[in-house]
């Protein structure tokens, strides 16, 4: 099955949490790409800081952060070169003495671009906030990226929409202490639906699921329409992929 030429077929992956094991993260990407091939996906989305795992302690960051122009990241790209869909996944990035919570866009082992999270949480002081909101085009669909807590604010999504984007990809990682996770379990969708309605964009999110000590990650990984409706979702507390066709805008008449 292949996507029609006038749509972008997106697969959003709800994955286990993988910490400090980039090889395992790359294995997961390759396995998901094999699964997505059956659906004819053009783009696969993965969670926040997915390559190295989302921990904000300095030891983890210093050990695993990568420069995007480094030989180490070049090796990551070589490994992903056979993957057919465009990939969007979270990376802990190092650059000029600063660390960034970044999402990269890659295509057949080529770095297309990146987005650095702009609205950091109080516990993310190890990171420097990003400043730019790049957008990208695939199959006629212009899209941009937000990362997790970016969506709690209107501006990051609005800055993407202002460039003519019709799709917002959200890489998230909501492994939280249980009381907080339970409280936010249903709030994630209401927050993201508000961003979709405000901007008129489709919103596709990817998150982790599972438990770690006193923490739990429910998800959600889902597709929200420009009207704010949840049109597809991976069930909470399960791994899997949700696939959606995002239509390309009609050409001006």
Protein backbone atom coordinates (compact mmCIF):
# COMPACT_ATOMS: atom_id res chain seq x y z
CA UNK A 1 0.00 0.00 0.00
CA UNK A 2 1.41 3.39 -0.96
CA UNK A 3 0.18 6.86 -0.09
CA UNK A 4 -1.54 8.85 -2.85
CA UNK A 5 0.65 11.59 -4.26
CA UNK A 6 -1.57 14.34 -2.83
CA UNK A 7 -1.30 13.21 0.79
CA UNK A 8 1.47 12.74 3.33
CA UNK A 9 1.11 9.41 5.13
CA UNK A 10 2.52 9.85 8.65
CA UNK A 11 3.25 7.09 11.13
CA UNK A 12 3.57 8.14 14.79
CA UNK A 13 5.28 5.63 17.05
CA UNK A 14 4.48 4.96 20.70
CA UNK A 15 7.62 3.27 22.00
CA UNK A 16 9.12 1.91 25.19
CA UNK A 17 11.39 4.31 27.06
CA UNK A 18 15.01 3.63 25.99
CA UNK A 19 17.66 5.24 28.19
CA UNK A 20 21.35 5.52 27.34
CA UNK A 21 21.26 2.97 24.53
CA UNK A 22 21.36 4.64 21.10
CA UNK A 23 21.84 1.28 19.37
CA UNK A 24 18.56 0.03 20.83
CA UNK A 25 16.84 3.26 19.80
CA UNK A 26 18.12 2.85 16.24
CA UNK A 27 16.94 -0.77 16.25
CA UNK A 28 13.49 0.49 17.26
CA UNK A 29 13.49 3.03 14.43
CA UNK A 30 14.45 0.38 11.89
CA UNK A 31 11.82 -2.05 13.19
CA UNK A 32 9.17 0.66 13.09
CA UNK A 33 10.19 1.55 9.54
CA UNK A 34 9.72 -2.07 8.52
CA UNK A 35 6.25 -2.00 10.09
CA UNK A 36 5.47 1.34 8.49
CA UNK A 37 6.45 0.01 5.07
CA UNK A 38 3.33 -2.13 5.15
CA UNK A 39 1.25 1.03 5.44
CA UNK A 40 3.20 2.98 2.82
CA UNK A 41 4.28 5.65 5.31
CA UNK A 42 6.23 8.62 3.99
CA UNK A 43 7.26 9.96 7.41
CA UNK A 44 7.79 8.39 10.83
CA UNK A 45 7.70 10.37 14.08
CA UNK A 46 9.42 9.29 17.32
CA UNK A 47 9.47 10.70 20.88
CA UNK A 48 11.46 13.51 22.50
CA UNK A 49 15.20 12.85 23.06
CA UNK A 50 14.55 9.39 21.65
CA UNK A 51 18.05 8.58 20.43
CA UNK A 52 19.77 8.86 23.81
CA UNK A 53 16.78 8.82 26.16
CA UNK A 54 15.17 11.66 28.07
CA UNK A 55 17.04 12.30 31.30
CA UNK A 56 18.04 15.80 32.30
CA UNK A 57 20.83 15.09 34.79
CA UNK A 58 24.19 16.47 33.71
CA UNK A 59 25.97 13.11 33.75
CA UNK A 60 23.56 11.67 31.18
CA UNK A 61 23.62 14.80 29.03
CA UNK A 62 27.42 15.10 29.03
CA UNK A 63 27.86 11.44 28.22
CA UNK A 64 25.39 11.12 25.37
CA UNK A 65 24.98 14.54 23.74
CA UNK A 66 26.03 14.64 20.08
CA UNK A 67 27.07 17.40 17.72
CA UNK A 68 24.97 17.05 14.59
CA UNK A 69 28.05 17.58 12.42
CA UNK A 70 30.17 15.05 14.32
CA UNK A 71 31.53 11.68 13.13
CA UNK A 72 29.35 10.02 15.79
CA UNK A 73 26.15 11.47 14.39
CA UNK A 74 27.37 10.72 10.86
CA UNK A 75 27.50 7.06 11.94
CA UNK A 76 23.87 7.34 13.10
CA UNK A 77 22.90 8.73 9.70
CA UNK A 78 24.72 5.93 7.87
CA UNK A 79 22.83 3.38 9.86
CA UNK A 80 19.54 5.04 8.95
CA UNK A 81 20.39 5.45 5.26
CA UNK A 82 18.45 2.33 4.16
CA UNK A 83 15.28 3.49 5.93
CA UNK A 84 12.74 4.54 3.33
CA UNK A 85 10.51 7.09 5.13
CA UNK A 86 11.64 10.51 6.27
CA UNK A 87 12.34 10.33 10.02
CA UNK A 88 11.71 12.85 12.78
CA UNK A 89 13.17 11.88 16.16
CA UNK A 90 14.45 13.50 19.33
CA UNK A 91 18.16 13.99 19.99
CA UNK A 92 20.20 15.47 22.82
CA UNK A 93 22.37 17.92 20.87
CA UNK A 94 25.67 19.56 21.81
CA UNK A 95 26.80 22.72 20.06
CA UNK A 96 29.43 25.29 21.06
CA UNK A 97 29.32 24.44 24.76
CA UNK A 98 25.52 24.39 24.92
CA UNK A 99 23.04 21.52 25.03
CA UNK A 100 19.73 21.47 23.20
CA UNK A 101 16.60 19.34 23.30
CA UNK A 102 16.35 18.85 19.56
CA UNK A 103 14.28 17.02 16.97
CA UNK A 104 16.07 16.13 13.74
CA UNK A 105 14.61 15.47 10.30
CA UNK A 106 16.52 12.88 8.28
CA UNK A 107 15.96 11.36 4.86
CA UNK A 108 17.87 8.30 3.60
CA UNK A 109 20.75 9.07 5.93
CA UNK A 110 20.84 12.79 5.16
CA UNK A 111 20.24 15.46 7.80
CA UNK A 112 17.48 17.63 6.36
CA UNK A 113 17.17 20.00 9.32
CA UNK A 114 16.45 20.31 13.02
CA UNK A 115 14.29 22.10 15.57
CA UNK A 116 15.40 23.03 19.09
CA UNK A 117 12.78 23.07 21.85
CA UNK A 118 11.93 26.67 22.77
CA UNK A 119 9.70 26.32 25.86
CA UNK A 120 11.76 24.37 28.38
CA UNK A 121 10.40 22.93 31.62
CA UNK A 122 11.80 24.10 35.00
CA UNK A 123 13.76 20.85 35.26
CA UNK A 124 15.45 21.36 31.90
CA UNK A 125 17.99 23.99 32.95
CA UNK A 126 20.79 21.90 31.43
CA UNK A 127 19.36 22.80 28.00
CA UNK A 128 19.52 26.11 26.15
CA UNK A 129 16.22 27.11 24.52
CA UNK A 130 16.02 27.24 20.76
CA UNK A 131 14.99 30.34 18.86
CA UNK A 132 13.87 29.28 15.40
CA UNK A 133 10.82 27.50 13.98
CA UNK A 134 11.90 25.83 10.73
CA UNK A 135 9.37 24.17 8.48
CA UNK A 136 9.79 21.43 5.91
CA UNK A 137 7.85 20.16 2.89
CA UNK A 138 7.15 16.55 1.98
CA UNK A 139 4.55 15.32 -0.53
CA UNK A 140 3.22 18.84 -0.85
CA UNK A 141 2.57 19.18 2.90
CA UNK A 142 4.44 21.85 4.85
CA UNK A 143 5.07 20.81 8.45
CA UNK A 144 6.86 22.03 11.54
CA UNK A 145 7.78 20.59 14.91
CA UNK A 146 7.02 21.27 18.56
CA UNK A 147 8.55 19.31 21.43
CA UNK A 148 6.42 18.26 24.40
CA UNK A 149 5.90 21.30 26.68
CA UNK A 150 6.09 23.67 23.71
CA UNK A 151 2.42 22.84 23.18
CA UNK A 152 1.45 24.33 26.53
CA UNK A 153 1.93 27.73 24.88
CA UNK A 154 0.27 29.18 21.79
CA UNK A 155 3.32 30.81 20.22
CA UNK A 156 5.38 27.78 19.10
CA UNK A 157 2.49 26.30 17.12
CA UNK A 158 1.46 29.73 15.82
CA UNK A 159 4.99 30.42 14.56
CA UNK A 160 4.86 27.19 12.57
CA UNK A 161 1.38 27.90 11.16
CA UNK A 162 2.41 31.45 10.15
CA UNK A 163 4.75 29.91 7.57
CA UNK A 164 1.88 28.15 5.82
CA UNK A 165 2.28 24.79 7.55
CA UNK A 166 -0.76 22.53 7.75
CA UNK A 167 0.80 19.85 9.98
CA UNK A 168 2.42 20.09 13.42
CA UNK A 169 4.53 17.14 14.60
CA UNK A 170 4.90 16.86 18.37
CA UNK A 171 7.72 14.74 19.81
CA UNK A 172 6.90 14.16 23.48
CA UNK A 173 8.16 12.22 26.49
CA UNK A 174 5.74 12.08 29.38
CA UNK A 175 7.35 9.62 31.79
CA UNK A 176 6.05 11.28 34.95
CA UNK A 177 5.60 10.50 38.62
CA UNK A 178 2.35 8.59 38.92
CA UNK A 179 0.13 11.28 40.50
CA UNK A 180 1.20 13.84 37.88
CA UNK A 181 0.91 11.33 35.04
CA UNK A 182 -2.61 10.43 36.12
CA UNK A 183 -3.61 14.09 36.30
CA UNK A 184 -2.17 14.84 32.85
CA UNK A 185 -3.36 11.63 31.18
CA UNK A 186 -6.38 13.37 29.69
CA UNK A 187 -5.01 16.92 29.68
CA UNK A 188 -2.46 16.22 26.94
CA UNK A 189 -5.19 15.88 24.36
CA UNK A 190 -7.11 18.95 25.47
CA UNK A 191 -3.95 21.07 25.34
CA UNK A 192 -2.95 19.78 21.91
CA UNK A 193 -6.49 20.05 20.55
CA UNK A 194 -6.47 23.72 21.50
CA UNK A 195 -3.29 24.24 19.46
CA UNK A 196 -4.89 22.47 16.49
CA UNK A 197 -8.04 24.60 16.65
CA UNK A 198 -6.06 27.84 17.09
CA UNK A 199 -3.87 27.21 14.07
CA UNK A 200 -6.05 25.08 11.80
CA UNK A 201 -3.24 22.53 11.54
CA UNK A 202 -3.32 18.79 11.85
CA UNK A 203 -1.39 17.68 14.94
CA UNK A 204 0.39 14.32 15.17
CA UNK A 205 2.16 13.36 18.40
CA UNK A 206 4.55 10.58 19.45
CA UNK A 207 5.25 9.54 23.04
CA UNK A 208 6.75 6.77 25.15
CA UNK A 209 4.89 4.33 27.35
CA UNK A 210 5.73 2.05 30.25
CA UNK A 211 7.00 2.40 33.82
CA UNK A 212 10.27 3.36 35.54
CA UNK A 213 10.49 3.17 39.33
CA UNK A 214 7.73 5.46 40.63
CA UNK A 215 7.03 6.89 37.17
CA UNK A 216 4.60 5.92 34.45
CA UNK A 217 4.11 7.01 30.84
CA UNK A 218 0.64 6.48 29.40
CA UNK A 219 1.26 8.19 26.04
CA UNK A 220 -0.70 9.46 24.19
CA UNK A 221 0.38 9.03 20.59
CA UNK A 222 -2.38 10.33 18.40
CA UNK A 223 -3.70 12.31 15.46
CA UNK A 224 -5.81 15.42 16.06
CA UNK A 225 -7.75 17.12 13.27
CA UNK A 226 -7.70 20.88 12.62
CA UNK A 227 -11.08 20.97 14.39
CA UNK A 228 -9.52 19.50 17.53
CA UNK A 229 -11.00 16.00 17.19
CA UNK A 230 -8.96 12.91 18.07
CA UNK A 231 -9.20 10.87 14.89
CA UNK A 232 -6.71 8.11 15.72
CA UNK A 233 -4.73 7.00 18.77
CA UNK A 234 -2.43 4.23 19.96
CA UNK A 235 -4.10 2.80 23.09
CA UNK A 236 -2.62 4.06 26.35
CA UNK A 237 0.09 1.89 27.92
CA UNK A 238 0.67 -0.07 24.71
CA UNK A 239 3.40 0.23 22.10
CA UNK A 240 2.45 0.64 18.47
CA UNK A 241 1.94 2.99 15.59
CA UNK A 242 -0.91 5.15 14.40
CA UNK A 243 -1.04 6.10 10.71
CA UNK A 244 -2.79 9.09 9.20
CA UNK A 245 -3.09 10.65 5.76
CA UNK A 246 -2.54 14.41 5.83
CA UNK A 247 -3.90 16.03 2.66
CA UNK A 248 -1.78 18.44 0.71
CA UNK A 249 -3.40 21.89 0.36
CA UNK A 250 -5.25 22.47 -2.88
CA UNK A 251 -3.26 24.68 -5.30
CA UNK A 252 -4.51 28.26 -5.60
CA UNK A 253 -7.01 28.78 -8.41
